[in-house]
Every structure is written in C-alpha cells, then in structure tokens.
C-alpha cells in the first residue's frame, strides 16, 4: 500500500521531535553532573549518538540548548496537572509538596536544577534571566495563593507575605541540596511539607480563611 505525502511528512517530524527530546535529556544529565561551563556539546552528542554539528543543527548554540532544556524541565514539571499550570490557593502549597515527593524519585532533574540555579548567579551566565524570571513568577504565585487563602476582609500583611513567598522557595531549594548530598539523612517530601506548613501558618495564622479553602 502506498504511503501518503502526509504520512511521510509526519514521520520525519516525529523523529525530529524524539531526537530533540533525546538531546534535551542528555543535556540535563550532562549539565547536572558537570555544570554548564564544563559540560560540553561533544559529550551531549556522544550520549545520543550524534556529532557536535548534529546537536547544533537542532538547537543552534549551547546557550540555546540550555534555555530549551530549562523550558523542557518546566513542561515536564506540570505535565501531570489537568491544565498544565500550577494551581492557586491551598492547592498551590499541596502542589509544592507533591513536587517535592516527585523530585525524590528523579535525582537527576533535581541535581540539574541545583547546579544550574547556583551557576546562574555568576556574571554573564546564559540562564541568569531565566532563573530571575522563574523566581519572580513563583514568588508572585505564592503571594497570590496566600491572599487567596484568607478572607478578603482579613488579608495578610504584605511584608509578611513577601517574606513567606521567598522563604518557601529558599527552603525547598535548600532542602534539595541537603537531600542530594545525603539522601538517607533528609526525607525530602516530609521536610518540605513541614517547612511549607510552618511558613504558611506564620504568614496567615489567626486570619479568617475563605470558607471554600478551609481545611
């Protein structure tokens, strides 16, 4: 039976997409273990059976590969959610705990994030704006969630909400580093849940809650 032009066109696109995903996974492994500066395109290419030029054909540059790898990580982080976007209110904090539980089963991804986020504070790092924007957005999401938890007539203090948002992210990232260094000593999910609950209680404790979000 003859193969249609549409089928022939679809197959190369699918193969290209699979090839790009293979490269992104290899980049995640390489950058996670060696850092961005020390991790080479040649090493990534070798993992997927390609040449250095082949990797560049798909991504153009090492910087672009890094940025697309980070975007890929973000997509996989929310792909299990119904609308592929983090929820609001108390569900956001439950999502953070669920993320910590999932992270305990994927050390490679956690290692990549820990290494690259630390690297990004250096001058001219290609992922600096990505991480700056990521933290800005997450702090905003957490601040909004804290306000959503409370009754509009009894809102939380803005300064405390700002501090709580930064503290939640700092605690989660710090626990990940401790867990990577000594996974037997740190229960990542439990410690994250404990810390998030403590910060949440400090930020909105004593405030009237929205009835729909009471727990």
N, C-alpha and C. Protein backbone atom coordinates (compact mmCIF):
# COMPACT_ATOMS: atom_id res chain seq x y z
N UNK A 1 0.85 -1.19 0.00
CA UNK A 1 0.00 0.00 0.00
C UNK A 1 0.88 1.24 0.00
N UNK A 2 0.57 2.21 -0.83
CA UNK A 2 1.38 3.41 -0.96
C UNK A 2 1.25 4.28 0.29
N UNK A 3 2.33 4.95 0.62
CA UNK A 3 2.33 5.86 1.76
C UNK A 3 2.04 7.27 1.28
N UNK A 4 1.09 7.95 1.93
CA UNK A 4 0.70 9.28 1.51
C UNK A 4 1.78 10.29 1.85
N UNK A 5 1.74 11.43 1.17
CA UNK A 5 2.68 12.51 1.46
C UNK A 5 2.55 13.00 2.87
N UNK A 6 1.32 13.02 3.39
CA UNK A 6 1.11 13.49 4.75
C UNK A 6 1.78 12.56 5.75
N UNK A 7 1.67 11.23 5.51
CA UNK A 7 2.30 10.26 6.40
C UNK A 7 3.81 10.38 6.36
N UNK A 8 4.35 10.59 5.13
CA UNK A 8 5.80 10.72 5.01
C UNK A 8 6.30 11.97 5.73
N UNK A 9 5.51 13.06 5.65
CA UNK A 9 5.89 14.30 6.31
C UNK A 9 5.80 14.18 7.83
N UNK A 10 4.80 13.42 8.29
CA UNK A 10 4.58 13.28 9.72
C UNK A 10 5.71 12.50 10.38
N UNK A 11 6.19 11.45 9.70
CA UNK A 11 7.23 10.61 10.29
C UNK A 11 8.51 11.37 10.57
N UNK A 12 9.04 12.16 9.60
CA UNK A 12 10.25 12.94 9.92
C UNK A 12 10.05 13.92 11.07
N UNK A 13 8.85 14.53 11.14
CA UNK A 13 8.59 15.47 12.24
C UNK A 13 8.62 14.76 13.57
N UNK A 14 8.01 13.56 13.63
CA UNK A 14 8.01 12.80 14.86
C UNK A 14 9.43 12.38 15.25
N UNK A 15 10.21 11.96 14.25
CA UNK A 15 11.58 11.56 14.51
C UNK A 15 12.42 12.74 14.99
N UNK A 16 12.18 13.92 14.39
CA UNK A 16 12.91 15.11 14.82
C UNK A 16 12.56 15.47 16.25
N UNK A 17 11.26 15.39 16.60
CA UNK A 17 10.83 15.70 17.96
C UNK A 17 11.46 14.74 18.96
N UNK A 18 11.49 13.45 18.60
CA UNK A 18 12.11 12.46 19.50
C UNK A 18 13.60 12.72 19.65
N UNK A 19 14.24 13.08 18.54
CA UNK A 19 15.67 13.35 18.56
C UNK A 19 15.97 14.55 19.46
N UNK A 20 15.17 15.60 19.35
CA UNK A 20 15.36 16.79 20.17
C UNK A 20 15.17 16.45 21.66
N UNK A 21 14.18 15.61 21.95
CA UNK A 21 13.95 15.24 23.34
C UNK A 21 15.12 14.42 23.88
N UNK A 22 15.68 13.54 23.05
CA UNK A 22 16.86 12.78 23.47
C UNK A 22 18.02 13.72 23.82
N UNK A 23 18.20 14.75 22.99
CA UNK A 23 19.28 15.71 23.23
C UNK A 23 19.02 16.49 24.52
N UNK A 24 17.77 16.89 24.74
CA UNK A 24 17.43 17.65 25.94
C UNK A 24 17.67 16.81 27.20
N UNK A 25 17.34 15.54 27.14
CA UNK A 25 17.58 14.65 28.30
C UNK A 25 19.08 14.48 28.54
N UNK A 26 19.84 14.35 27.46
CA UNK A 26 21.29 14.22 27.60
C UNK A 26 21.90 15.50 28.16
N UNK A 27 21.38 16.64 27.71
CA UNK A 27 21.87 17.93 28.22
C UNK A 27 21.56 18.06 29.70
N UNK A 28 20.39 17.60 30.11
CA UNK A 28 20.01 17.66 31.52
C UNK A 28 20.98 16.84 32.37
N UNK A 29 21.34 15.66 31.86
CA UNK A 29 22.28 14.81 32.58
C UNK A 29 23.67 15.44 32.63
N UNK A 30 24.13 15.93 31.49
CA UNK A 30 25.49 16.49 31.41
C UNK A 30 25.63 17.76 32.22
N UNK A 31 24.70 18.71 32.04
CA UNK A 31 24.78 19.96 32.78
C UNK A 31 24.57 19.73 34.27
N UNK A 32 23.78 18.70 34.62
CA UNK A 32 23.52 18.41 36.02
C UNK A 32 24.74 17.86 36.73
N UNK A 33 25.55 17.08 36.03
CA UNK A 33 26.71 16.48 36.67
C UNK A 33 27.98 17.32 36.53
N UNK A 34 28.07 18.09 35.44
CA UNK A 34 29.30 18.81 35.16
C UNK A 34 29.15 20.33 35.18
N UNK A 35 27.90 20.81 35.29
CA UNK A 35 27.68 22.25 35.22
C UNK A 35 27.62 22.71 33.77
N UNK A 36 27.19 23.94 33.58
CA UNK A 36 27.03 24.44 32.21
C UNK A 36 28.37 24.67 31.52
N UNK A 37 29.30 25.29 32.22
CA UNK A 37 30.58 25.64 31.60
C UNK A 37 31.41 24.40 31.28
N UNK A 38 31.41 23.42 32.16
CA UNK A 38 32.24 22.23 31.96
C UNK A 38 31.56 21.15 31.12
N UNK A 39 30.25 21.21 31.04
CA UNK A 39 29.53 20.23 30.22
C UNK A 39 29.63 20.61 28.75
N UNK A 40 30.14 19.71 27.93
CA UNK A 40 30.40 20.05 26.53
C UNK A 40 29.32 19.50 25.61
N UNK A 41 29.15 20.17 24.47
CA UNK A 41 28.23 19.68 23.45
C UNK A 41 28.70 18.34 22.90
N UNK A 42 30.02 18.14 22.85
CA UNK A 42 30.54 16.87 22.35
C UNK A 42 30.11 15.72 23.24
N UNK A 43 30.12 15.95 24.55
CA UNK A 43 29.69 14.91 25.50
C UNK A 43 28.21 14.62 25.33
N UNK A 44 27.42 15.67 25.15
CA UNK A 44 25.98 15.50 24.94
C UNK A 44 25.73 14.75 23.64
N UNK A 45 26.43 15.14 22.59
CA UNK A 45 26.27 14.49 21.29
C UNK A 45 26.62 13.01 21.37
N UNK A 46 27.68 12.70 22.11
CA UNK A 46 28.12 11.31 22.23
C UNK A 46 27.05 10.45 22.90
N UNK A 47 26.32 11.01 23.87
CA UNK A 47 25.29 10.26 24.58
C UNK A 47 24.13 9.86 23.67
N UNK A 48 23.88 10.66 22.64
CA UNK A 48 22.75 10.37 21.75
C UNK A 48 23.21 9.88 20.38
N UNK A 49 24.49 9.57 20.27
CA UNK A 49 24.98 9.02 19.02
C UNK A 49 24.98 10.00 17.86
N UNK A 50 25.31 11.25 18.17
CA UNK A 50 25.33 12.28 17.15
C UNK A 50 26.69 12.96 17.14
N UNK A 51 26.86 13.87 16.21
CA UNK A 51 28.05 14.70 16.17
C UNK A 51 27.75 16.04 16.84
N UNK A 52 28.80 16.76 17.18
CA UNK A 52 28.68 18.12 17.71
C UNK A 52 27.85 18.97 16.76
N UNK A 53 28.12 18.85 15.47
CA UNK A 53 27.38 19.63 14.46
C UNK A 53 25.91 19.22 14.43
N UNK A 54 25.63 17.94 14.70
CA UNK A 54 24.24 17.49 14.70
C UNK A 54 23.43 18.13 15.81
N UNK A 55 24.05 18.26 16.98
CA UNK A 55 23.37 18.93 18.10
C UNK A 55 23.11 20.39 17.75
N UNK A 56 24.10 21.05 17.17
CA UNK A 56 23.95 22.46 16.78
C UNK A 56 22.88 22.61 15.71
N UNK A 57 22.72 21.62 14.86
CA UNK A 57 21.68 21.67 13.83
C UNK A 57 20.30 21.79 14.47
N UNK A 58 20.10 21.10 15.59
CA UNK A 58 18.79 21.10 16.25
C UNK A 58 18.59 22.32 17.14
N UNK A 59 19.67 22.85 17.74
CA UNK A 59 19.49 23.91 18.74
C UNK A 59 20.27 25.19 18.47
N UNK A 60 21.16 25.19 17.53
CA UNK A 60 21.83 26.42 17.13
C UNK A 60 23.05 26.79 17.94
N UNK A 61 22.96 26.67 19.26
CA UNK A 61 24.09 27.05 20.11
C UNK A 61 23.93 26.37 21.47
N UNK A 62 25.02 26.36 22.21
CA UNK A 62 24.99 25.77 23.55
C UNK A 62 24.06 26.57 24.47
N UNK A 63 24.08 27.89 24.35
CA UNK A 63 23.20 28.72 25.16
C UNK A 63 21.73 28.40 24.88
N UNK A 64 21.40 28.27 23.61
CA UNK A 64 20.02 27.98 23.24
C UNK A 64 19.59 26.60 23.73
N UNK A 65 20.51 25.64 23.66
CA UNK A 65 20.21 24.30 24.17
C UNK A 65 19.90 24.36 25.66
N UNK A 66 20.69 25.13 26.41
CA UNK A 66 20.46 25.27 27.84
C UNK A 66 19.07 25.84 28.12
N UNK A 67 18.71 26.91 27.41
CA UNK A 67 17.42 27.55 27.65
C UNK A 67 16.26 26.63 27.29
N UNK A 68 16.40 25.90 26.19
CA UNK A 68 15.32 24.98 25.80
C UNK A 68 15.26 23.79 26.75
N UNK A 69 16.40 23.39 27.30
CA UNK A 69 16.40 22.32 28.29
C UNK A 69 15.66 22.75 29.55
N UNK A 70 15.86 23.99 29.98
CA UNK A 70 15.16 24.50 31.15
C UNK A 70 13.65 24.59 30.90
N UNK A 71 13.29 25.01 29.70
CA UNK A 71 11.88 25.06 29.33
C UNK A 71 11.28 23.66 29.32
N UNK A 72 12.04 22.69 28.82
CA UNK A 72 11.60 21.29 28.80
C UNK A 72 11.38 20.79 30.23
N UNK A 73 12.29 21.13 31.13
CA UNK A 73 12.14 20.73 32.52
C UNK A 73 10.86 21.31 33.11
N UNK A 74 10.58 22.57 32.81
CA UNK A 74 9.37 23.20 33.34
C UNK A 74 8.12 22.52 32.81
N UNK A 75 8.13 22.15 31.54
CA UNK A 75 6.96 21.48 30.96
C UNK A 75 6.71 20.13 31.60
N UNK A 76 7.78 19.37 31.83
CA UNK A 76 7.62 18.06 32.44
C UNK A 76 7.17 18.18 33.89
N UNK A 77 7.47 19.30 34.51
CA UNK A 77 7.12 19.50 35.92
C UNK A 77 5.62 19.68 36.13
N UNK A 78 4.90 20.15 35.10
CA UNK A 78 3.47 20.38 35.25
C UNK A 78 2.63 19.52 34.31
N UNK A 79 3.27 18.60 33.58
CA UNK A 79 2.53 17.84 32.58
C UNK A 79 1.47 16.94 33.20
N UNK A 80 1.61 16.60 34.50
CA UNK A 80 0.64 15.74 35.15
C UNK A 80 -0.59 16.52 35.62
N UNK A 81 -0.53 17.87 35.59
CA UNK A 81 -1.66 18.68 36.03
C UNK A 81 -2.69 18.82 34.92
N UNK A 82 -3.95 18.94 35.29
CA UNK A 82 -5.04 18.97 34.32
C UNK A 82 -4.84 20.06 33.28
N UNK A 83 -4.56 21.28 33.72
CA UNK A 83 -4.39 22.39 32.77
C UNK A 83 -2.93 22.74 32.55
N UNK A 84 -2.03 21.87 33.06
CA UNK A 84 -0.59 22.06 32.91
C UNK A 84 -0.14 23.44 33.41
N UNK A 85 -0.73 23.83 34.53
CA UNK A 85 -0.36 25.09 35.18
C UNK A 85 -0.56 24.91 36.67
N UNK A 86 0.35 25.47 37.47
CA UNK A 86 0.22 25.29 38.91
C UNK A 86 -1.06 25.95 39.41
N UNK A 87 -1.73 25.33 40.40
CA UNK A 87 -3.00 25.86 40.91
C UNK A 87 -2.78 27.03 41.86
N UNK A 88 -3.88 27.55 42.40
CA UNK A 88 -3.80 28.65 43.35
C UNK A 88 -4.30 28.22 44.72
N UNK A 89 -4.34 29.17 45.66
CA UNK A 89 -4.83 28.90 46.99
C UNK A 89 -4.05 27.80 47.69
N UNK A 90 -4.73 27.07 48.57
CA UNK A 90 -4.07 25.99 49.29
C UNK A 90 -3.57 24.91 48.35
N UNK A 91 -4.22 24.75 47.20
CA UNK A 91 -3.78 23.74 46.25
C UNK A 91 -2.37 24.00 45.75
N UNK A 92 -1.96 25.26 45.73
CA UNK A 92 -0.59 25.55 45.30
C UNK A 92 0.40 24.94 46.29
N UNK A 93 0.12 25.06 47.57
CA UNK A 93 1.04 24.53 48.58
C UNK A 93 1.02 22.99 48.57
N UNK A 94 -0.13 22.42 48.30
CA UNK A 94 -0.20 20.96 48.15
C UNK A 94 0.61 20.53 46.93
N UNK A 95 0.54 21.33 45.87
CA UNK A 95 1.31 21.03 44.66
C UNK A 95 2.81 21.07 44.94
N UNK A 96 3.25 22.03 45.75
CA UNK A 96 4.67 22.12 46.09
C UNK A 96 5.13 20.88 46.84
N UNK A 97 4.30 20.39 47.74
CA UNK A 97 4.65 19.17 48.48
C UNK A 97 4.68 17.98 47.53
N UNK A 98 3.71 17.92 46.63
CA UNK A 98 3.68 16.83 45.64
C UNK A 98 4.93 16.89 44.76
N UNK A 99 5.34 18.10 44.40
CA UNK A 99 6.56 18.26 43.59
C UNK A 99 7.77 17.74 44.34
N UNK A 100 7.87 18.04 45.63
CA UNK A 100 8.99 17.53 46.43
C UNK A 100 8.97 16.01 46.47
N UNK A 101 7.78 15.44 46.58
CA UNK A 101 7.67 13.97 46.60
C UNK A 101 8.11 13.38 45.26
N UNK A 102 7.71 14.01 44.17
CA UNK A 102 8.12 13.54 42.84
C UNK A 102 9.62 13.72 42.63
N UNK A 103 10.15 14.83 43.15
CA UNK A 103 11.58 15.10 42.99
C UNK A 103 12.44 14.04 43.68
N UNK A 104 11.93 13.47 44.76
CA UNK A 104 12.68 12.44 45.46
C UNK A 104 12.87 11.19 44.60
N UNK A 105 12.11 11.10 43.52
CA UNK A 105 12.20 9.95 42.62
C UNK A 105 12.95 10.30 41.34
N UNK A 106 13.44 11.52 41.21
CA UNK A 106 14.15 11.93 39.99
C UNK A 106 15.35 12.81 40.35
N UNK A 107 16.34 12.21 40.97
CA UNK A 107 17.50 12.98 41.44
C UNK A 107 18.25 13.69 40.32
N UNK A 108 18.23 13.12 39.11
CA UNK A 108 18.95 13.77 38.02
C UNK A 108 18.41 15.14 37.70
N UNK A 109 17.09 15.27 37.67
CA UNK A 109 16.46 16.56 37.39
C UNK A 109 16.74 17.54 38.52
N UNK A 110 16.66 17.06 39.76
CA UNK A 110 16.92 17.92 40.92
C UNK A 110 18.36 18.40 40.90
N UNK A 111 19.28 17.51 40.58
CA UNK A 111 20.69 17.88 40.51
C UNK A 111 20.93 18.93 39.44
N UNK A 112 20.31 18.75 38.28
CA UNK A 112 20.47 19.72 37.20
C UNK A 112 20.00 21.10 37.64
N UNK A 113 18.84 21.15 38.27
CA UNK A 113 18.30 22.44 38.72
C UNK A 113 19.21 23.06 39.77
N UNK A 114 19.67 22.26 40.74
CA UNK A 114 20.50 22.80 41.81
C UNK A 114 21.80 23.37 41.26
N UNK A 115 22.44 22.64 40.36
CA UNK A 115 23.71 23.09 39.80
C UNK A 115 23.53 24.35 38.96
N UNK A 116 22.54 24.33 38.08
CA UNK A 116 22.37 25.46 37.16
C UNK A 116 21.85 26.71 37.86
N UNK A 117 20.98 26.54 38.84
CA UNK A 117 20.49 27.73 39.56
C UNK A 117 21.63 28.39 40.32
N UNK A 118 22.53 27.58 40.89
CA UNK A 118 23.70 28.15 41.57
C UNK A 118 24.64 28.81 40.57
N UNK A 119 24.88 28.15 39.44
CA UNK A 119 25.74 28.71 38.40
C UNK A 119 25.21 30.04 37.88
N UNK A 120 23.89 30.18 37.85
CA UNK A 120 23.27 31.33 37.18
C UNK A 120 23.56 32.66 37.86
N UNK A 121 24.06 32.63 39.09
CA UNK A 121 24.36 33.89 39.78
C UNK A 121 25.67 34.49 39.28
N UNK A 122 26.45 33.74 38.51
CA UNK A 122 27.73 34.25 38.01
C UNK A 122 27.50 35.21 36.84
N UNK A 123 28.48 36.05 36.60
CA UNK A 123 28.36 37.06 35.55
C UNK A 123 28.16 36.42 34.18
N UNK A 124 27.24 37.00 33.40
CA UNK A 124 27.03 36.63 32.01
C UNK A 124 26.57 35.18 31.83
N UNK A 125 26.02 34.58 32.84
CA UNK A 125 25.51 33.21 32.67
C UNK A 125 24.26 33.25 31.80
N UNK A 126 24.14 32.38 30.80
CA UNK A 126 23.01 32.45 29.87
C UNK A 126 21.65 32.17 30.50
N UNK A 127 21.64 31.53 31.68
CA UNK A 127 20.37 31.21 32.32
C UNK A 127 20.00 32.19 33.43
N UNK A 128 20.79 33.26 33.60
CA UNK A 128 20.52 34.20 34.70
C UNK A 128 19.11 34.79 34.60
N UNK A 129 18.73 35.26 33.43
CA UNK A 129 17.40 35.86 33.28
C UNK A 129 16.30 34.83 33.43
N UNK A 130 16.57 33.62 32.99
CA UNK A 130 15.58 32.55 33.16
C UNK A 130 15.29 32.35 34.65
N UNK A 131 16.33 32.17 35.45
CA UNK A 131 16.12 31.91 36.87
C UNK A 131 15.58 33.14 37.59
N UNK A 132 16.02 34.32 37.19
CA UNK A 132 15.47 35.54 37.80
C UNK A 132 13.96 35.61 37.54
N UNK A 133 13.57 35.36 36.30
CA UNK A 133 12.16 35.39 35.94
C UNK A 133 11.37 34.29 36.62
N UNK A 134 11.98 33.12 36.74
CA UNK A 134 11.31 31.98 37.37
C UNK A 134 11.00 32.29 38.83
N UNK A 135 11.98 32.80 39.56
CA UNK A 135 11.76 33.12 40.97
C UNK A 135 10.77 34.27 41.13
N UNK A 136 10.84 35.24 40.24
CA UNK A 136 9.88 36.35 40.30
C UNK A 136 8.46 35.83 40.13
N UNK A 137 8.25 34.95 39.16
CA UNK A 137 6.92 34.40 38.91
C UNK A 137 6.45 33.52 40.07
N UNK A 138 7.32 32.68 40.59
CA UNK A 138 6.93 31.81 41.69
C UNK A 138 6.61 32.59 42.96
N UNK A 139 7.40 33.62 43.24
CA UNK A 139 7.08 34.46 44.41
C UNK A 139 5.72 35.11 44.24
N UNK A 140 5.43 35.57 43.03
CA UNK A 140 4.13 36.18 42.76
C UNK A 140 3.00 35.16 42.94
N UNK A 141 3.20 33.94 42.45
CA UNK A 141 2.19 32.89 42.59
C UNK A 141 1.92 32.57 44.05
N UNK A 142 2.99 32.49 44.84
CA UNK A 142 2.82 32.15 46.25
C UNK A 142 2.16 33.30 47.01
N UNK A 143 2.55 34.54 46.70
CA UNK A 143 1.90 35.69 47.35
C UNK A 143 0.40 35.68 47.05
N UNK A 144 0.06 35.44 45.79
CA UNK A 144 -1.36 35.42 45.41
C UNK A 144 -2.09 34.29 46.12
N UNK A 145 -1.44 33.13 46.22
CA UNK A 145 -2.08 32.00 46.90
C UNK A 145 -2.32 32.30 48.37
N UNK A 146 -1.38 32.97 49.02
CA UNK A 146 -1.56 33.32 50.43
C UNK A 146 -2.73 34.27 50.61
N UNK A 147 -2.89 35.20 49.70
CA UNK A 147 -4.05 36.10 49.77
C UNK A 147 -5.35 35.34 49.50
N UNK A 148 -5.29 34.37 48.60
CA UNK A 148 -6.49 33.59 48.28
C UNK A 148 -6.94 32.74 49.46
N UNK A 149 -6.00 32.32 50.29
CA UNK A 149 -6.33 31.52 51.46
C UNK A 149 -7.17 32.32 52.45
N UNK A 150 -6.89 33.61 52.56
CA UNK A 150 -7.52 34.45 53.59
C UNK A 150 -8.81 35.10 53.09
N UNK A 151 -9.69 35.35 54.03
CA UNK A 151 -10.90 36.12 53.75
C UNK A 151 -10.49 37.51 53.27
N UNK A 152 -11.10 38.04 52.22
CA UNK A 152 -10.75 39.37 51.72
C UNK A 152 -10.87 40.47 52.77
N UNK A 153 -11.74 40.26 53.77
CA UNK A 153 -11.90 41.26 54.82
C UNK A 153 -10.85 41.13 55.93
N UNK A 154 -10.00 40.10 55.83
CA UNK A 154 -8.95 39.92 56.83
C UNK A 154 -7.66 39.49 56.13
N UNK A 155 -7.12 40.36 55.27
CA UNK A 155 -5.96 40.00 54.44
C UNK A 155 -4.68 39.89 55.26
N UNK A 156 -3.73 39.12 54.79
CA UNK A 156 -2.44 39.01 55.48
C UNK A 156 -1.59 40.25 55.26
N UNK A 157 -0.62 40.45 56.12
CA UNK A 157 0.29 41.58 56.00
C UNK A 157 1.17 41.41 54.76
N UNK A 158 1.27 42.47 53.94
CA UNK A 158 2.01 42.37 52.68
C UNK A 158 3.49 42.04 52.90
N UNK A 159 4.11 42.66 53.88
CA UNK A 159 5.53 42.40 54.13
C UNK A 159 5.76 40.95 54.54
N UNK A 160 4.83 40.41 55.34
CA UNK A 160 4.96 39.02 55.77
C UNK A 160 4.73 38.07 54.60
N UNK A 161 3.79 38.43 53.73
CA UNK A 161 3.52 37.61 52.55
C UNK A 161 4.73 37.58 51.63
N UNK A 162 5.36 38.73 51.43
CA UNK A 162 6.57 38.79 50.59
C UNK A 162 7.67 37.90 51.17
N UNK A 163 7.86 38.01 52.49
CA UNK A 163 8.89 37.20 53.14
C UNK A 163 8.57 35.72 53.06
N UNK A 164 7.29 35.39 53.23
CA UNK A 164 6.86 33.99 53.19
C UNK A 164 7.10 33.39 51.82
N UNK A 165 6.80 34.14 50.77
CA UNK A 165 6.99 33.64 49.41
C UNK A 165 8.45 33.31 49.14
N UNK A 166 9.34 34.23 49.54
CA UNK A 166 10.78 33.99 49.36
C UNK A 166 11.25 32.84 50.22
N UNK A 167 10.71 32.73 51.43
CA UNK A 167 11.15 31.69 52.36
C UNK A 167 10.75 30.30 51.87
N UNK A 168 9.55 30.16 51.33
CA UNK A 168 9.11 28.86 50.82
C UNK A 168 10.06 28.36 49.74
N UNK A 169 10.42 29.22 48.80
CA UNK A 169 11.32 28.82 47.72
C UNK A 169 12.72 28.52 48.23
N UNK A 170 13.18 29.33 49.18
CA UNK A 170 14.52 29.12 49.75
C UNK A 170 14.60 27.79 50.48
N UNK A 171 13.56 27.48 51.24
CA UNK A 171 13.54 26.23 52.00
C UNK A 171 13.52 25.03 51.05
N UNK A 172 12.68 25.09 50.02
CA UNK A 172 12.60 23.96 49.09
C UNK A 172 13.93 23.74 48.37
N UNK A 173 14.55 24.82 47.91
CA UNK A 173 15.83 24.68 47.20
C UNK A 173 16.93 24.19 48.15
N UNK A 174 16.95 24.73 49.36
CA UNK A 174 17.96 24.32 50.32
C UNK A 174 17.82 22.86 50.72
N UNK A 175 16.60 22.41 50.91
CA UNK A 175 16.37 21.01 51.25
C UNK A 175 16.80 20.08 50.12
N UNK A 176 16.61 20.53 48.89
CA UNK A 176 17.03 19.72 47.76
C UNK A 176 18.54 19.51 47.76
N UNK A 177 19.29 20.56 48.08
CA UNK A 177 20.74 20.45 48.13
C UNK A 177 21.15 19.47 49.24
N UNK A 178 20.54 19.62 50.43
CA UNK A 178 20.86 18.71 51.53
C UNK A 178 20.53 17.27 51.16
N UNK A 179 19.39 17.08 50.50
CA UNK A 179 18.97 15.73 50.10
C UNK A 179 19.92 15.13 49.07
N UNK A 180 20.36 15.95 48.11
CA UNK A 180 21.30 15.45 47.11
C UNK A 180 22.61 15.01 47.74
N UNK A 181 23.04 15.74 48.75
CA UNK A 181 24.30 15.42 49.42
C UNK A 181 24.19 14.21 50.35
N UNK A 182 23.01 14.03 50.96
CA UNK A 182 22.84 12.94 51.92
C UNK A 182 21.38 12.51 51.94
N UNK A 183 20.94 11.76 50.91
CA UNK A 183 19.53 11.40 50.80
C UNK A 183 19.01 10.54 51.95
N UNK A 184 19.90 9.82 52.63
CA UNK A 184 19.44 8.99 53.75
C UNK A 184 19.12 9.83 54.98
N UNK A 185 19.70 11.02 55.04
CA UNK A 185 19.52 11.87 56.23
C UNK A 185 18.33 12.81 56.10
N UNK A 186 17.86 13.06 54.87
CA UNK A 186 16.80 14.04 54.64
C UNK A 186 15.64 13.39 53.91
N UNK A 187 14.47 13.42 54.52
CA UNK A 187 13.23 12.99 53.85
C UNK A 187 12.70 14.21 53.11
N UNK A 188 12.94 14.26 51.82
CA UNK A 188 12.67 15.48 51.06
C UNK A 188 11.20 15.89 51.12
N UNK A 189 10.30 14.95 50.91
CA UNK A 189 8.88 15.29 50.90
C UNK A 189 8.40 15.73 52.28
N UNK A 190 8.77 14.96 53.32
CA UNK A 190 8.31 15.29 54.67
C UNK A 190 8.87 16.63 55.14
N UNK A 191 10.17 16.83 54.92
CA UNK A 191 10.79 18.08 55.37
C UNK A 191 10.21 19.27 54.62
N UNK A 192 9.93 19.10 53.34
CA UNK A 192 9.33 20.19 52.56
C UNK A 192 7.93 20.51 53.07
N UNK A 193 7.14 19.47 53.33
CA UNK A 193 5.78 19.68 53.84
C UNK A 193 5.82 20.38 55.20
N UNK A 194 6.73 19.96 56.06
CA UNK A 194 6.86 20.57 57.39
C UNK A 194 7.20 22.05 57.28
N UNK A 195 8.16 22.38 56.42
CA UNK A 195 8.60 23.77 56.28
C UNK A 195 7.52 24.64 55.64
N UNK A 196 6.88 24.12 54.61
CA UNK A 196 5.82 24.89 53.94
C UNK A 196 4.67 25.15 54.89
N UNK A 197 4.29 24.14 55.67
CA UNK A 197 3.21 24.32 56.64
C UNK A 197 3.60 25.37 57.69
N UNK A 198 4.85 25.36 58.12
CA UNK A 198 5.30 26.33 59.13
C UNK A 198 5.27 27.75 58.57
N UNK A 199 5.73 27.92 57.35
CA UNK A 199 5.72 29.25 56.73
C UNK A 199 4.29 29.71 56.50
N UNK A 200 3.45 28.81 56.00
CA UNK A 200 2.05 29.15 55.75
C UNK A 200 1.36 29.58 57.04
N UNK A 201 1.60 28.83 58.11
CA UNK A 201 0.98 29.17 59.40
C UNK A 201 1.46 30.52 59.91
N UNK A 202 2.76 30.79 59.76
CA UNK A 202 3.30 32.07 60.22
C UNK A 202 2.73 33.23 59.43
N UNK A 203 2.50 33.01 58.14
CA UNK A 203 2.04 34.11 57.28
C UNK A 203 0.56 34.42 57.45
N UNK A 204 -0.26 33.40 57.67
CA UNK A 204 -1.72 33.64 57.70
C UNK A 204 -2.36 33.15 59.00
N UNK A 205 -1.54 32.73 59.97
CA UNK A 205 -2.09 32.26 61.23
C UNK A 205 -2.95 33.32 61.91
N UNK A 206 -4.12 32.91 62.38
CA UNK A 206 -5.03 33.83 63.06
C UNK A 206 -5.93 34.60 62.11
N UNK A 207 -5.68 34.52 60.82
CA UNK A 207 -6.53 35.20 59.84
C UNK A 207 -7.77 34.36 59.55
N UNK A 208 -8.86 35.02 59.22
CA UNK A 208 -10.04 34.29 58.78
C UNK A 208 -9.78 33.71 57.40
N UNK A 209 -10.15 32.46 57.21
CA UNK A 209 -9.92 31.79 55.94
C UNK A 209 -11.17 31.89 55.05
N UNK A 210 -10.95 31.83 53.77
CA UNK A 210 -12.08 31.69 52.85
C UNK A 210 -12.74 30.35 53.14
N UNK A 211 -14.04 30.33 53.21
CA UNK A 211 -14.73 29.11 53.57
C UNK A 211 -14.42 27.95 52.61
N UNK A 212 -14.34 28.26 51.34
CA UNK A 212 -14.11 27.22 50.35
C UNK A 212 -12.72 26.59 50.46
N UNK A 213 -11.82 27.25 51.21
CA UNK A 213 -10.45 26.75 51.31
C UNK A 213 -10.11 26.24 52.70
N UNK A 214 -11.08 26.20 53.59
CA UNK A 214 -10.80 25.74 54.95
C UNK A 214 -10.39 24.28 54.92
N UNK A 215 -9.50 23.92 55.82
CA UNK A 215 -9.06 22.53 55.89
C UNK A 215 -8.67 22.17 57.31
